[in-house]
Amino acid sequence: MSTIDRDEVVRVAGLARIALTDEEIDQFAGELEQIAAAVATVSEAVGPDTKATSHPIEMTNVLRPDEPGECLDREELLAGAPLAEDGQFRVPQIIGEE
């Protein structure tokens, strides 16, 4: 099990360029030590047959099959658009604006 003491907290805080007070260093050293101990406990419970997983329940693809269907009528679709031109949606120009 790793030991996270004040020196380790100061070293990591220095790498991250985080200024910590003495109280924060003591607090984080204790909290990080507890976290490391909890991870070690979980690691002990894992056996060689335990497969890594990010989710405890097997997930399956819930999407429907991608099958071609009826196309929308272009004129009917463009009828609902605020502006249309040459069979396409017309939108305000945004590239090249100042």
Foldseek 3Di string as FASTA:
>chain_A
DDQQALVNLVVVCVVVVHDDDPVVSHVVNVVVRVVVVVVVVVVVVDDPPDDDDPDPDDDDDPDDDDDDDDDDDLVVVCVPAPDDDPSGHDDDDDPPDD
